[in-house]
Amino acid sequence: MPPAVEAVESIFKYYKVEVKNKKAAVFGQGILVGKPVSFWLEKQGSAISAIDEFTKNPEIFSRESDILISGVGKDGLIKESMVKDGAVIVDFGPDVDFESVSKKASLITPPVGGVGPIVIAAVLKNLVDLNS
């Protein structure tokens, strides 16, 4: 499993986040985070809004989303006004304005020490699995 996907899955399992029949917005469609996470969420039964640099008015999609994943790497890209009350937010970069958004989110990963260590653990797990 791609490390970013395994990180999201681990977080969701730990916090008992249900993804089936949820709306999800995935900011960034790169090959390391956005595309694999979007694919995984869709396979789990989420309705996906894949947001990239060409998406006009991304806040229209993010405000309706129960789950928001961001892997853009653009500091402060996602503001409080772009997030639905009670949304679950996984931030792979410093994309989310943590201070304001954390007041609305039911779950949010911190910008430092959040998803990164889980991704590293997933990479190491894959390495061990591939060499077993």
Foldseek 3Di string as FASTA:
>chain_A
DQLQLQLVVVVCVVVVPQLAAFEEEEEDCDPRHQVVNQVVSVVSHYHYDYHYPPDPPCLVRAQRGQEYEYDDQDACQAELSSHHAQHAYEYPHNHHPCVGNVVRHPHYADRPPGSVVSSVVSVVVVVVVVVD
